[in-house]
Amino acid sequence: MFTAAIQKVSKSIFPLFFYGSKGSGVLGTAFFIDDKGHFLTAAHVVAALPKGARMGYLGNIPLCNFKGKKMGAVKVLERNDDLDLALGIIKKDQLPPLKFAPKKALIGQSIALCGYPFPMLRVLQNKSLDVSRVRQYWQPTIKMDELRPRLLLKKKFRSFLTEQPALPGMSGGPIFTLNSEVIGVTSAVWPRHVPLKSGKSISIENGIGVELSEVKKFVAKSFRDQAFNV
């Protein structure tokens, strides 16, 4: 069902790396939104950068040729923790941008999550980083519900629930439609235990996405910001 959309989205997402003297890893997922190198991710992704580490970009893993490639520079231009959104720029080796949907997804609509969960990184003998086992992951789901600000987990933005949760490492990735249009950004997971009459309980997890209206507002404000001229 999502075959055509995934072929397009797969070329526009990338992992945000951190690297430094204390090790390397993947902070989360990001995606390009225009042909000038601007990208979106979640605020908590860039906030997780370890002290003393740098943020880096290696391109469209695993589809690109990354052998012998050095980390590209990543600059965060705008970050809003209340909306859990961040916007940055990468000036070299940009990927095709994704488009925003003209309107929000409907409850019950088929959508998909994506990103780079549980990346397995290795440092080789020559001290280069082996990212060959960093893979893209796709999670088809549906939009289950819409949430007002502060209604759930004290989130201050308009959000929506997805039937399936995102895995760690997929935060910041685009949530997209069958037409490959972005309708939200992956933000969090809502886990809970539901008691049963038997005395046992079942564990349930749903995903939380930043609503399209909040994403568009954040991007528009960022581009209006005078400090945004780079």
N, C-alpha and C. Protein backbone atom coordinates (compact mmCIF):
# COMPACT_ATOMS: atom_id res chain seq x y z
N MET A 1 0.82 -1.22 0.00
CA MET A 1 0.00 0.00 0.00
C MET A 1 0.86 1.27 0.00
N PHE A 2 1.94 1.26 0.78
CA PHE A 2 2.80 2.44 0.88
C PHE A 2 4.01 2.34 -0.04
N THR A 3 4.02 1.40 -0.96
CA THR A 3 5.21 1.16 -1.78
C THR A 3 5.69 2.41 -2.50
N ALA A 4 4.79 3.08 -3.23
CA ALA A 4 5.19 4.26 -4.00
C ALA A 4 5.64 5.39 -3.08
N ALA A 5 4.93 5.60 -1.98
CA ALA A 5 5.28 6.69 -1.06
C ALA A 5 6.65 6.44 -0.42
N ILE A 6 6.91 5.20 -0.04
CA ILE A 6 8.19 4.88 0.60
C ILE A 6 9.35 5.08 -0.37
N GLN A 7 9.15 4.75 -1.65
CA GLN A 7 10.22 4.97 -2.62
C GLN A 7 10.65 6.44 -2.64
N LYS A 8 9.69 7.34 -2.45
CA LYS A 8 10.00 8.77 -2.47
C LYS A 8 10.56 9.24 -1.13
N VAL A 9 9.90 8.88 -0.04
CA VAL A 9 10.32 9.34 1.28
C VAL A 9 11.70 8.79 1.64
N SER A 10 11.99 7.59 1.19
CA SER A 10 13.27 6.95 1.52
C SER A 10 14.47 7.76 1.04
N LYS A 11 14.27 8.58 0.03
CA LYS A 11 15.36 9.38 -0.54
C LYS A 11 15.54 10.73 0.16
N SER A 12 14.66 11.04 1.12
CA SER A 12 14.66 12.37 1.73
C SER A 12 14.94 12.36 3.23
N ILE A 13 14.97 11.18 3.85
CA ILE A 13 15.23 11.12 5.29
C ILE A 13 16.69 10.76 5.54
N PHE A 14 17.18 11.10 6.73
CA PHE A 14 18.56 10.79 7.07
C PHE A 14 18.73 10.76 8.59
N PRO A 15 19.74 10.02 9.07
CA PRO A 15 20.01 10.01 10.51
C PRO A 15 20.89 11.18 10.91
N LEU A 16 20.61 11.79 12.05
CA LEU A 16 21.48 12.80 12.63
C LEU A 16 22.45 12.11 13.58
N PHE A 17 23.73 12.20 13.28
CA PHE A 17 24.76 11.55 14.09
C PHE A 17 25.32 12.51 15.14
N PHE A 18 25.85 11.93 16.19
CA PHE A 18 26.73 12.67 17.07
C PHE A 18 28.06 11.93 17.09
N TYR A 19 29.14 12.68 17.24
CA TYR A 19 30.46 12.05 17.26
C TYR A 19 31.43 12.91 18.05
N GLY A 20 32.45 12.29 18.57
CA GLY A 20 33.45 12.99 19.36
C GLY A 20 34.37 12.02 20.06
N SER A 21 35.16 12.52 20.99
CA SER A 21 36.15 11.68 21.67
C SER A 21 35.52 10.60 22.54
N LYS A 22 34.25 10.80 22.92
CA LYS A 22 33.59 9.84 23.81
C LYS A 22 32.68 8.86 23.08
N GLY A 23 32.77 8.85 21.73
CA GLY A 23 31.98 7.89 20.98
C GLY A 23 31.07 8.51 19.94
N SER A 24 30.35 7.66 19.23
CA SER A 24 29.46 8.08 18.16
C SER A 24 28.12 7.38 18.29
N GLY A 25 27.12 7.95 17.65
CA GLY A 25 25.80 7.35 17.69
C GLY A 25 24.82 8.13 16.84
N VAL A 26 23.57 7.72 16.87
CA VAL A 26 22.50 8.39 16.13
C VAL A 26 21.56 9.05 17.13
N LEU A 27 21.34 10.34 16.95
CA LEU A 27 20.44 11.09 17.82
C LEU A 27 18.98 10.85 17.46
N GLY A 28 18.69 10.77 16.17
CA GLY A 28 17.32 10.63 15.71
C GLY A 28 17.26 10.78 14.20
N THR A 29 16.09 11.10 13.71
CA THR A 29 15.82 11.16 12.27
C THR A 29 15.47 12.58 11.87
N ALA A 30 15.79 12.93 10.62
CA ALA A 30 15.45 14.26 10.09
C ALA A 30 15.07 14.11 8.62
N PHE A 31 14.51 15.19 8.05
CA PHE A 31 14.14 15.16 6.63
C PHE A 31 14.19 16.57 6.06
N PHE A 32 14.53 16.67 4.78
CA PHE A 32 14.64 17.95 4.11
C PHE A 32 13.26 18.49 3.70
N ILE A 33 13.13 19.83 3.78
CA ILE A 33 11.84 20.45 3.44
C ILE A 33 11.94 21.44 2.29
N ASP A 34 13.16 21.73 1.80
CA ASP A 34 13.30 22.58 0.61
C ASP A 34 14.61 22.24 -0.08
N ASP A 35 14.86 22.91 -1.23
CA ASP A 35 16.06 22.60 -2.00
C ASP A 35 17.26 23.46 -1.60
N LYS A 36 17.16 24.14 -0.45
CA LYS A 36 18.26 24.96 0.04
C LYS A 36 18.98 24.31 1.22
N GLY A 37 18.59 23.10 1.55
CA GLY A 37 19.26 22.36 2.61
C GLY A 37 18.63 22.47 3.97
N HIS A 38 17.45 23.07 4.08
CA HIS A 38 16.78 23.16 5.38
C HIS A 38 16.09 21.84 5.71
N PHE A 39 16.21 21.43 6.95
CA PHE A 39 15.62 20.17 7.38
C PHE A 39 14.86 20.36 8.69
N LEU A 40 13.96 19.42 8.95
CA LEU A 40 13.19 19.39 10.19
C LEU A 40 13.52 18.14 10.98
N THR A 41 13.44 18.27 12.29
CA THR A 41 13.54 17.13 13.19
C THR A 41 12.83 17.51 14.49
N ALA A 42 12.92 16.66 15.50
CA ALA A 42 12.32 16.97 16.80
C ALA A 42 13.32 17.74 17.66
N ALA A 43 12.81 18.65 18.48
CA ALA A 43 13.69 19.44 19.36
C ALA A 43 14.44 18.55 20.33
N HIS A 44 13.78 17.51 20.84
CA HIS A 44 14.47 16.65 21.82
C HIS A 44 15.59 15.83 21.18
N VAL A 45 15.56 15.71 19.86
CA VAL A 45 16.64 15.01 19.16
C VAL A 45 17.93 15.84 19.22
N VAL A 46 17.85 17.11 18.84
CA VAL A 46 19.05 17.95 18.86
C VAL A 46 19.47 18.28 20.30
N ALA A 47 18.49 18.31 21.21
CA ALA A 47 18.81 18.59 22.62
C ALA A 47 19.58 17.45 23.26
N ALA A 48 19.52 16.26 22.66
CA ALA A 48 20.19 15.08 23.23
C ALA A 48 21.67 15.01 22.86
N LEU A 49 22.18 16.00 22.13
CA LEU A 49 23.59 15.99 21.75
C LEU A 49 24.47 15.97 23.00
N PRO A 50 25.30 14.95 23.17
CA PRO A 50 26.13 14.87 24.37
C PRO A 50 27.09 16.05 24.49
N LYS A 51 27.41 16.40 25.70
CA LYS A 51 28.33 17.50 25.96
C LYS A 51 29.68 17.20 25.32
N GLY A 52 30.19 18.16 24.57
CA GLY A 52 31.49 18.00 23.94
C GLY A 52 31.45 17.30 22.59
N ALA A 53 30.26 16.77 22.19
CA ALA A 53 30.14 16.08 20.90
C ALA A 53 29.67 17.04 19.82
N ARG A 54 29.83 16.63 18.59
CA ARG A 54 29.38 17.41 17.44
C ARG A 54 28.28 16.65 16.71
N MET A 55 27.44 17.40 16.00
CA MET A 55 26.37 16.80 15.22
C MET A 55 26.84 16.66 13.78
N GLY A 56 26.58 15.50 13.17
CA GLY A 56 27.09 15.27 11.83
C GLY A 56 26.07 14.64 10.90
N TYR A 57 26.41 14.71 9.60
CA TYR A 57 25.52 14.27 8.52
C TYR A 57 26.34 13.44 7.52
N LEU A 58 25.84 12.26 7.19
CA LEU A 58 26.52 11.40 6.22
C LEU A 58 25.68 11.13 4.98
N GLY A 59 24.52 11.77 4.89
CA GLY A 59 23.69 11.59 3.70
C GLY A 59 22.57 10.59 3.90
N ASN A 60 22.10 10.09 2.77
CA ASN A 60 20.90 9.27 2.73
C ASN A 60 21.21 7.79 2.99
N ILE A 61 21.69 7.50 4.17
CA ILE A 61 22.00 6.12 4.55
C ILE A 61 20.71 5.29 4.59
N PRO A 62 20.68 4.07 4.07
CA PRO A 62 21.78 3.28 3.50
C PRO A 62 21.86 3.37 1.99
N LEU A 63 21.17 4.33 1.38
CA LEU A 63 21.08 4.38 -0.08
C LEU A 63 22.24 5.10 -0.73
N CYS A 64 23.01 5.88 0.05
CA CYS A 64 24.11 6.64 -0.54
C CYS A 64 25.42 5.89 -0.42
N ASN A 65 26.43 6.37 -1.13
CA ASN A 65 27.77 5.81 -1.01
C ASN A 65 28.50 6.57 0.09
N PHE A 66 28.60 5.96 1.27
CA PHE A 66 29.17 6.66 2.41
C PHE A 66 30.59 6.20 2.73
N LYS A 67 31.14 5.27 1.94
CA LYS A 67 32.47 4.75 2.23
C LYS A 67 33.52 5.85 2.12
N GLY A 68 34.29 6.01 3.19
CA GLY A 68 35.35 7.01 3.21
C GLY A 68 34.87 8.44 3.34
N LYS A 69 33.58 8.61 3.58
CA LYS A 69 32.99 9.93 3.67
C LYS A 69 33.18 10.52 5.06
N LYS A 70 33.42 11.82 5.14
CA LYS A 70 33.55 12.49 6.43
C LYS A 70 32.22 13.12 6.83
N MET A 71 32.03 13.28 8.12
CA MET A 71 30.81 13.89 8.62
C MET A 71 30.65 15.31 8.07
N GLY A 72 29.45 15.60 7.52
CA GLY A 72 29.14 16.94 7.07
C GLY A 72 28.65 17.80 8.22
N ALA A 73 28.82 19.10 8.08
CA ALA A 73 28.43 20.03 9.14
C ALA A 73 26.92 20.18 9.20
N VAL A 74 26.40 20.24 10.42
CA VAL A 74 24.97 20.44 10.68
C VAL A 74 24.82 21.69 11.54
N LYS A 75 23.96 22.60 11.13
CA LYS A 75 23.71 23.81 11.91
C LYS A 75 22.23 23.88 12.29
N VAL A 76 21.95 23.99 13.57
CA VAL A 76 20.56 24.15 14.04
C VAL A 76 20.24 25.64 14.04
N LEU A 77 19.19 26.01 13.32
CA LEU A 77 18.82 27.41 13.16
C LEU A 77 17.73 27.86 14.12
N GLU A 78 16.83 26.95 14.41
CA GLU A 78 15.69 27.30 15.27
C GLU A 78 15.27 26.06 16.04
N ARG A 79 14.95 26.25 17.31
CA ARG A 79 14.50 25.13 18.15
C ARG A 79 13.41 25.61 19.09
N ASN A 80 12.30 24.88 19.13
CA ASN A 80 11.19 25.22 20.00
C ASN A 80 10.84 23.98 20.82
N ASP A 81 11.26 23.99 22.08
CA ASP A 81 11.01 22.82 22.93
C ASP A 81 9.54 22.62 23.23
N ASP A 82 8.77 23.71 23.28
CA ASP A 82 7.33 23.59 23.55
C ASP A 82 6.61 22.86 22.42
N LEU A 83 7.09 23.03 21.19
CA LEU A 83 6.49 22.34 20.04
C LEU A 83 7.23 21.05 19.70
N ASP A 84 8.36 20.83 20.35
CA ASP A 84 9.24 19.70 20.05
C ASP A 84 9.62 19.66 18.58
N LEU A 85 10.02 20.82 18.06
CA LEU A 85 10.45 20.93 16.66
C LEU A 85 11.76 21.69 16.57
N ALA A 86 12.58 21.31 15.64
CA ALA A 86 13.83 22.02 15.37
C ALA A 86 14.06 22.08 13.87
N LEU A 87 14.64 23.18 13.43
CA LEU A 87 14.93 23.37 12.02
C LEU A 87 16.41 23.69 11.87
N GLY A 88 17.05 23.05 10.89
CA GLY A 88 18.47 23.28 10.69
C GLY A 88 18.80 23.34 9.22
N ILE A 89 20.10 23.42 8.93
CA ILE A 89 20.54 23.50 7.55
C ILE A 89 21.79 22.66 7.35
N ILE A 90 21.86 22.03 6.19
CA ILE A 90 23.03 21.29 5.74
C ILE A 90 23.34 21.81 4.34
N LYS A 91 24.52 22.36 4.14
CA LYS A 91 24.81 23.09 2.92
C LYS A 91 25.38 22.24 1.79
N LYS A 92 25.74 20.99 2.08
CA LYS A 92 26.30 20.13 1.04
C LYS A 92 25.58 18.79 1.01
N ASP A 93 25.46 18.24 -0.20
CA ASP A 93 24.93 16.88 -0.34
C ASP A 93 23.48 16.77 0.13
N GLN A 94 22.67 17.81 -0.18
CA GLN A 94 21.27 17.77 0.24
C GLN A 94 20.48 16.71 -0.51
N LEU A 95 19.37 16.31 0.09
CA LEU A 95 18.50 15.31 -0.49
C LEU A 95 17.22 15.97 -1.02
N PRO A 96 16.46 15.28 -1.86
CA PRO A 96 15.20 15.84 -2.36
C PRO A 96 14.26 16.15 -1.20
N PRO A 97 13.62 17.32 -1.21
CA PRO A 97 12.73 17.69 -0.10
C PRO A 97 11.39 16.99 -0.18
N LEU A 98 10.73 16.87 0.98
CA LEU A 98 9.37 16.37 1.04
C LEU A 98 8.40 17.55 1.11
N LYS A 99 7.18 17.33 0.67
CA LYS A 99 6.15 18.37 0.69
C LYS A 99 5.19 18.13 1.85
N PHE A 100 4.67 19.24 2.41
CA PHE A 100 3.63 19.13 3.42
C PHE A 100 2.29 18.88 2.75
N ALA A 101 1.44 18.13 3.42
CA ALA A 101 0.08 17.90 2.92
C ALA A 101 -0.71 19.21 2.99
N PRO A 102 -1.70 19.40 2.12
CA PRO A 102 -2.49 20.64 2.16
C PRO A 102 -3.38 20.73 3.39
N LYS A 103 -3.72 19.60 3.99
CA LYS A 103 -4.56 19.61 5.19
C LYS A 103 -4.19 18.42 6.07
N LYS A 104 -4.63 18.47 7.32
CA LYS A 104 -4.28 17.43 8.27
C LYS A 104 -4.92 16.09 7.90
N ALA A 105 -4.35 15.03 8.41
CA ALA A 105 -4.90 13.70 8.19
C ALA A 105 -6.21 13.53 8.97
N LEU A 106 -7.08 12.70 8.46
CA LEU A 106 -8.34 12.39 9.13
C LEU A 106 -8.15 11.23 10.10
N ILE A 107 -8.96 11.18 11.14
CA ILE A 107 -8.94 10.04 12.05
C ILE A 107 -9.31 8.78 11.26
N GLY A 108 -8.50 7.77 11.40
CA GLY A 108 -8.71 6.54 10.65
C GLY A 108 -7.93 6.47 9.35
N GLN A 109 -7.28 7.57 8.96
CA GLN A 109 -6.54 7.60 7.71
C GLN A 109 -5.24 6.80 7.82
N SER A 110 -4.89 6.11 6.75
CA SER A 110 -3.63 5.36 6.71
C SER A 110 -2.46 6.32 6.56
N ILE A 111 -1.50 6.18 7.46
CA ILE A 111 -0.29 7.00 7.44
C ILE A 111 0.89 6.09 7.79
N ALA A 112 2.10 6.62 7.73
CA ALA A 112 3.27 5.79 8.05
C ALA A 112 4.31 6.60 8.81
N LEU A 113 4.99 5.91 9.74
CA LEU A 113 6.12 6.46 10.47
C LEU A 113 7.40 5.92 9.83
N CYS A 114 8.50 6.64 10.03
CA CYS A 114 9.75 6.15 9.46
C CYS A 114 10.93 6.71 10.23
N GLY A 115 12.09 6.10 10.02
CA GLY A 115 13.28 6.62 10.68
C GLY A 115 14.37 5.58 10.81
N TYR A 116 15.25 5.81 11.78
CA TYR A 116 16.45 4.99 11.96
C TYR A 116 16.54 4.47 13.40
N PRO A 117 15.79 3.42 13.71
CA PRO A 117 15.82 2.91 15.09
C PRO A 117 17.00 1.98 15.36
N PHE A 118 17.45 1.97 16.59
CA PHE A 118 18.46 1.01 17.07
C PHE A 118 19.64 0.85 16.09
N PRO A 119 20.30 1.94 15.73
CA PRO A 119 21.42 1.82 14.78
C PRO A 119 22.58 1.06 15.39
N MET A 120 23.18 0.20 14.61
CA MET A 120 24.33 -0.58 15.07
C MET A 120 25.59 -0.01 14.42
N LEU A 121 26.37 0.73 15.18
CA LEU A 121 27.57 1.38 14.66
C LEU A 121 28.81 0.64 15.14
N ARG A 122 29.84 0.65 14.29
CA ARG A 122 31.12 0.06 14.66
C ARG A 122 32.23 1.03 14.29
N VAL A 123 33.24 1.12 15.14
CA VAL A 123 34.44 1.88 14.82
C VAL A 123 35.49 0.89 14.34
N LEU A 124 35.96 1.09 13.11
CA LEU A 124 36.92 0.17 12.51
C LEU A 124 38.34 0.44 13.03
N GLN A 125 39.26 -0.43 12.65
CA GLN A 125 40.63 -0.31 13.13
C GLN A 125 41.27 1.01 12.72
N ASN A 126 40.89 1.53 11.56
CA ASN A 126 41.44 2.82 11.12
C ASN A 126 40.69 4.01 11.74
N LYS A 127 39.82 3.70 12.72
CA LYS A 127 39.04 4.68 13.48
C LYS A 127 37.92 5.34 12.68
N SER A 128 37.66 4.83 11.47
CA SER A 128 36.51 5.32 10.71
C SER A 128 35.23 4.65 11.23
N LEU A 129 34.11 5.29 10.97
CA LEU A 129 32.83 4.80 11.48
C LEU A 129 32.13 3.94 10.43
N ASP A 130 31.81 2.71 10.80
CA ASP A 130 31.09 1.80 9.92
C ASP A 130 29.59 1.97 10.17
N VAL A 131 28.88 2.50 9.18
CA VAL A 131 27.43 2.73 9.31
C VAL A 131 26.63 1.81 8.40
N SER A 132 27.26 0.76 7.91
CA SER A 132 26.61 -0.11 6.93
C SER A 132 25.39 -0.82 7.50
N ARG A 133 25.31 -0.92 8.83
CA ARG A 133 24.16 -1.60 9.44
C ARG A 133 23.11 -0.62 9.96
N VAL A 134 23.24 0.65 9.61
CA VAL A 134 22.21 1.63 9.93
C VAL A 134 21.16 1.56 8.83
N ARG A 135 19.97 1.16 9.19
CA ARG A 135 18.93 0.89 8.18
C ARG A 135 17.69 1.74 8.42
N GLN A 136 16.95 1.98 7.34
CA GLN A 136 15.67 2.67 7.44
C GLN A 136 14.60 1.69 7.91
N TYR A 137 13.63 2.23 8.65
CA TYR A 137 12.54 1.41 9.17
C TYR A 137 11.21 2.09 8.84
N TRP A 138 10.22 1.28 8.47
CA TRP A 138 8.92 1.81 8.06
C TRP A 138 7.82 1.18 8.90
N GLN A 139 6.91 2.00 9.41
CA GLN A 139 5.84 1.51 10.27
C GLN A 139 4.49 2.06 9.81
N PRO A 140 3.78 1.34 8.92
CA PRO A 140 2.43 1.75 8.54
C PRO A 140 1.51 1.74 9.76
N THR A 141 0.59 2.69 9.82
CA THR A 141 -0.31 2.79 10.97
C THR A 141 -1.54 3.61 10.53
N ILE A 142 -2.35 4.02 11.50
CA ILE A 142 -3.46 4.93 11.22
C ILE A 142 -3.46 6.05 12.25
N LYS A 143 -4.09 7.16 11.89
CA LYS A 143 -4.30 8.24 12.85
C LYS A 143 -5.50 7.86 13.71
N MET A 144 -5.27 7.78 15.03
CA MET A 144 -6.32 7.30 15.93
C MET A 144 -7.15 8.40 16.58
N ASP A 145 -6.50 9.53 16.91
CA ASP A 145 -7.19 10.55 17.70
C ASP A 145 -6.43 11.85 17.60
N GLU A 146 -7.11 12.95 17.92
CA GLU A 146 -6.47 14.26 17.97
C GLU A 146 -6.46 14.75 19.41
N LEU A 147 -5.39 15.42 19.79
CA LEU A 147 -5.21 15.84 21.18
C LEU A 147 -4.97 17.33 21.28
N ARG A 148 -5.63 17.95 22.25
CA ARG A 148 -5.39 19.37 22.53
C ARG A 148 -4.09 19.53 23.30
N PRO A 149 -3.52 20.73 23.30
CA PRO A 149 -2.31 20.96 24.10
C PRO A 149 -2.54 20.65 25.57
N ARG A 150 -1.54 20.08 26.21
CA ARG A 150 -1.50 19.73 27.63
C ARG A 150 -2.48 18.61 28.02
N LEU A 151 -3.12 17.99 27.05
CA LEU A 151 -4.07 16.93 27.37
C LEU A 151 -3.37 15.62 27.73
N LEU A 152 -2.20 15.40 27.13
CA LEU A 152 -1.51 14.13 27.31
C LEU A 152 -0.01 14.37 27.52
N LEU A 153 0.53 13.79 28.58
CA LEU A 153 1.96 13.89 28.88
C LEU A 153 2.46 15.33 28.94
N LYS A 154 1.55 16.26 29.22
CA LYS A 154 1.86 17.69 29.37
C LYS A 154 2.46 18.31 28.09
N LYS A 155 2.19 17.68 26.94
CA LYS A 155 2.67 18.24 25.68
C LYS A 155 1.97 19.56 25.40
N LYS A 156 2.73 20.57 25.00
CA LYS A 156 2.18 21.91 24.81
C LYS A 156 1.73 22.19 23.38
N PHE A 157 1.76 21.18 22.54
CA PHE A 157 1.39 21.39 21.14
C PHE A 157 0.20 20.52 20.75
N ARG A 158 -0.47 20.92 19.69
CA ARG A 158 -1.54 20.07 19.14
C ARG A 158 -0.89 18.82 18.56
N SER A 159 -1.46 17.68 18.90
CA SER A 159 -0.84 16.42 18.50
C SER A 159 -1.90 15.41 18.10
N PHE A 160 -1.44 14.25 17.68
CA PHE A 160 -2.38 13.16 17.35
C PHE A 160 -1.74 11.83 17.73
N LEU A 161 -2.60 10.87 18.00
CA LEU A 161 -2.15 9.52 18.34
C LEU A 161 -2.09 8.66 17.08
N THR A 162 -1.07 7.80 17.03
CA THR A 162 -1.00 6.80 15.97
C THR A 162 -1.18 5.42 16.61
N GLU A 163 -1.77 4.52 15.87
CA GLU A 163 -2.02 3.17 16.40
C GLU A 163 -0.70 2.50 16.78
N GLN A 164 0.30 2.59 15.93
CA GLN A 164 1.59 1.99 16.19
C GLN A 164 2.56 3.04 16.74
N PRO A 165 3.41 2.69 17.68
CA PRO A 165 4.40 3.64 18.20
C PRO A 165 5.66 3.65 17.35
N ALA A 166 6.39 4.75 17.45
CA ALA A 166 7.71 4.81 16.83
C ALA A 166 8.72 4.13 17.75
N LEU A 167 9.77 3.60 17.16
CA LEU A 167 10.84 2.99 17.93
C LEU A 167 11.90 4.05 18.27
N PRO A 168 12.69 3.85 19.32
CA PRO A 168 13.75 4.81 19.63
C PRO A 168 14.67 5.03 18.43
N GLY A 169 14.94 6.29 18.12
CA GLY A 169 15.75 6.63 16.95
C GLY A 169 14.91 7.16 15.80
N MET A 170 13.57 6.97 15.87
CA MET A 170 12.69 7.45 14.81
C MET A 170 12.13 8.84 15.11
N SER A 171 12.42 9.37 16.30
CA SER A 171 11.95 10.72 16.63
C SER A 171 12.49 11.72 15.62
N GLY A 172 11.64 12.66 15.24
CA GLY A 172 12.02 13.67 14.28
C GLY A 172 11.72 13.29 12.84
N GLY A 173 11.36 12.03 12.63
CA GLY A 173 11.06 11.58 11.27
C GLY A 173 9.70 12.08 10.79
N PRO A 174 9.50 12.15 9.48
CA PRO A 174 8.21 12.59 8.95
C PRO A 174 7.15 11.51 9.09
N ILE A 175 5.94 11.92 9.40
CA ILE A 175 4.78 11.03 9.34
C ILE A 175 4.07 11.40 8.04
N PHE A 176 3.86 10.43 7.16
CA PHE A 176 3.43 10.76 5.80
C PHE A 176 2.24 9.93 5.33
N THR A 177 1.64 10.40 4.25
CA THR A 177 0.44 9.79 3.69
C THR A 177 0.80 8.86 2.54
N LEU A 178 -0.22 8.26 1.96
CA LEU A 178 -0.03 7.40 0.79
C LEU A 178 0.52 8.19 -0.40
N ASN A 179 0.35 9.51 -0.37
CA ASN A 179 0.87 10.37 -1.43
C ASN A 179 2.25 10.92 -1.10
N SER A 180 2.87 10.40 -0.04
CA SER A 180 4.20 10.81 0.42
C SER A 180 4.23 12.24 0.94
N GLU A 181 3.08 12.79 1.31
CA GLU A 181 3.02 14.14 1.87
C GLU A 181 3.10 14.09 3.39
N VAL A 182 3.85 15.02 3.96
CA VAL A 182 4.07 15.04 5.41
C VAL A 182 2.85 15.61 6.13
N ILE A 183 2.35 14.87 7.14
CA ILE A 183 1.21 15.36 7.92
C ILE A 183 1.57 15.50 9.40
N GLY A 184 2.84 15.30 9.73
CA GLY A 184 3.26 15.45 11.12
C GLY A 184 4.70 15.04 11.30
N VAL A 185 5.19 15.21 12.52
CA VAL A 185 6.56 14.84 12.87
C VAL A 185 6.51 13.95 14.11
N THR A 186 7.22 12.84 14.08
CA THR A 186 7.24 11.91 15.21
C THR A 186 7.85 12.57 16.43
N SER A 187 7.13 12.53 17.57
CA SER A 187 7.58 13.21 18.77
C SER A 187 7.79 12.29 19.96
N ALA A 188 6.85 11.39 20.23
CA ALA A 188 6.93 10.63 21.49
C ALA A 188 6.11 9.34 21.40
N VAL A 189 6.17 8.59 22.48
CA VAL A 189 5.39 7.37 22.63
C VAL A 189 4.60 7.47 23.93
N TRP A 190 3.35 7.00 23.92
CA TRP A 190 2.51 7.01 25.12
C TRP A 190 2.33 5.57 25.59
N PRO A 191 3.13 5.12 26.56
CA PRO A 191 2.99 3.76 27.08
C PRO A 191 2.10 3.74 28.32
N ARG A 192 1.33 2.68 28.50
CA ARG A 192 0.55 2.54 29.74
C ARG A 192 0.18 1.07 29.93
N HIS A 193 -0.17 0.77 31.17
CA HIS A 193 -0.58 -0.58 31.52
C HIS A 193 -2.07 -0.55 31.86
N VAL A 194 -2.83 -1.39 31.21
CA VAL A 194 -4.29 -1.43 31.40
C VAL A 194 -4.64 -2.66 32.23
N PRO A 195 -5.21 -2.46 33.45
CA PRO A 195 -5.55 -3.62 34.30
C PRO A 195 -6.75 -4.40 33.73
N LEU A 196 -6.69 -5.70 33.90
CA LEU A 196 -7.78 -6.57 33.48
C LEU A 196 -8.51 -7.12 34.72
N LYS A 197 -9.72 -7.64 34.54
CA LYS A 197 -10.49 -8.18 35.65
C LYS A 197 -9.79 -9.37 36.30
N SER A 198 -8.95 -10.02 35.53
CA SER A 198 -8.23 -11.19 36.05
C SER A 198 -7.14 -10.80 37.04
N GLY A 199 -6.86 -9.52 37.14
CA GLY A 199 -5.79 -9.06 38.00
C GLY A 199 -4.49 -8.82 37.25
N LYS A 200 -4.44 -9.32 36.04
CA LYS A 200 -3.27 -9.07 35.19
C LYS A 200 -3.46 -7.75 34.45
N SER A 201 -2.48 -7.38 33.66
CA SER A 201 -2.60 -6.15 32.88
C SER A 201 -1.96 -6.35 31.52
N ILE A 202 -2.35 -5.53 30.58
CA ILE A 202 -1.73 -5.56 29.26
C ILE A 202 -1.03 -4.23 29.03
N SER A 203 0.06 -4.27 28.30
CA SER A 203 0.82 -3.06 27.98
C SER A 203 0.42 -2.56 26.59
N ILE A 204 0.17 -1.26 26.51
CA ILE A 204 -0.23 -0.64 25.25
C ILE A 204 0.67 0.56 24.99
N GLU A 205 1.08 0.71 23.75
CA GLU A 205 1.87 1.88 23.36
C GLU A 205 1.28 2.48 22.09
N ASN A 206 1.15 3.79 22.08
CA ASN A 206 0.75 4.52 20.88
C ASN A 206 1.78 5.60 20.60
N GLY A 207 1.85 5.99 19.35
CA GLY A 207 2.75 7.08 18.99
C GLY A 207 2.08 8.43 19.14
N ILE A 208 2.90 9.47 19.31
CA ILE A 208 2.41 10.84 19.37
C ILE A 208 3.13 11.65 18.29
N GLY A 209 2.37 12.29 17.42
CA GLY A 209 2.93 13.11 16.36
C GLY A 209 2.56 14.58 16.55
N VAL A 210 3.47 15.47 16.17
CA VAL A 210 3.17 16.90 16.17
C VAL A 210 2.23 17.18 15.00
N GLU A 211 1.10 17.82 15.28
CA GLU A 211 0.08 18.07 14.26
C GLU A 211 0.61 18.98 13.16
N LEU A 212 0.10 18.77 11.94
CA LEU A 212 0.55 19.50 10.75
C LEU A 212 0.47 21.01 10.93
N SER A 213 -0.59 21.50 11.56
CA SER A 213 -0.75 22.95 11.73
C SER A 213 0.39 23.53 12.56
N GLU A 214 0.83 22.80 13.58
CA GLU A 214 1.94 23.26 14.42
C GLU A 214 3.26 23.26 13.63
N VAL A 215 3.44 22.24 12.82
CA VAL A 215 4.66 22.14 12.01
C VAL A 215 4.74 23.30 11.03
N LYS A 216 3.65 23.57 10.32
CA LYS A 216 3.64 24.65 9.35
C LYS A 216 3.86 26.00 10.01
N LYS A 217 3.25 26.20 11.16
CA LYS A 217 3.43 27.46 11.90
C LYS A 217 4.88 27.66 12.31
N PHE A 218 5.49 26.60 12.81
CA PHE A 218 6.88 26.67 13.25
C PHE A 218 7.81 27.00 12.08
N VAL A 219 7.61 26.36 10.95
CA VAL A 219 8.46 26.62 9.78
C VAL A 219 8.28 28.05 9.29
N ALA A 220 7.03 28.51 9.21
CA ALA A 220 6.76 29.87 8.74
C ALA A 220 7.40 30.90 9.65
N LYS A 221 7.29 30.72 10.96
CA LYS A 221 7.88 31.64 11.92
C LYS A 221 9.40 31.64 11.81
N SER A 222 9.97 30.46 11.63
CA SER A 222 11.42 30.35 11.51
C SER A 222 11.94 31.12 10.30
N PHE A 223 11.24 31.04 9.20
CA PHE A 223 11.68 31.74 7.99
C PHE A 223 11.46 33.25 8.09
N ARG A 224 10.56 33.68 8.95
CA ARG A 224 10.36 35.11 9.16
C ARG A 224 11.39 35.71 10.11
N ASP A 225 12.02 34.86 10.88
CA ASP A 225 12.97 35.32 11.89
C ASP A 225 14.20 35.94 11.22
N GLN A 226 14.52 37.16 11.61
CA GLN A 226 15.65 37.87 11.02
C GLN A 226 16.97 37.14 11.26
N ALA A 227 17.07 36.44 12.40
CA ALA A 227 18.31 35.73 12.73
C ALA A 227 18.47 34.49 11.88
N PHE A 228 17.48 34.23 11.03
CA PHE A 228 17.48 33.02 10.24
C PHE A 228 18.27 33.17 8.95
N ASN A 229 18.69 34.41 8.62
CA ASN A 229 19.43 34.65 7.39
C ASN A 229 20.82 34.03 7.48
N VAL A 230 21.08 33.02 6.66
CA VAL A 230 22.38 32.33 6.69
C VAL A 230 22.96 32.26 5.28
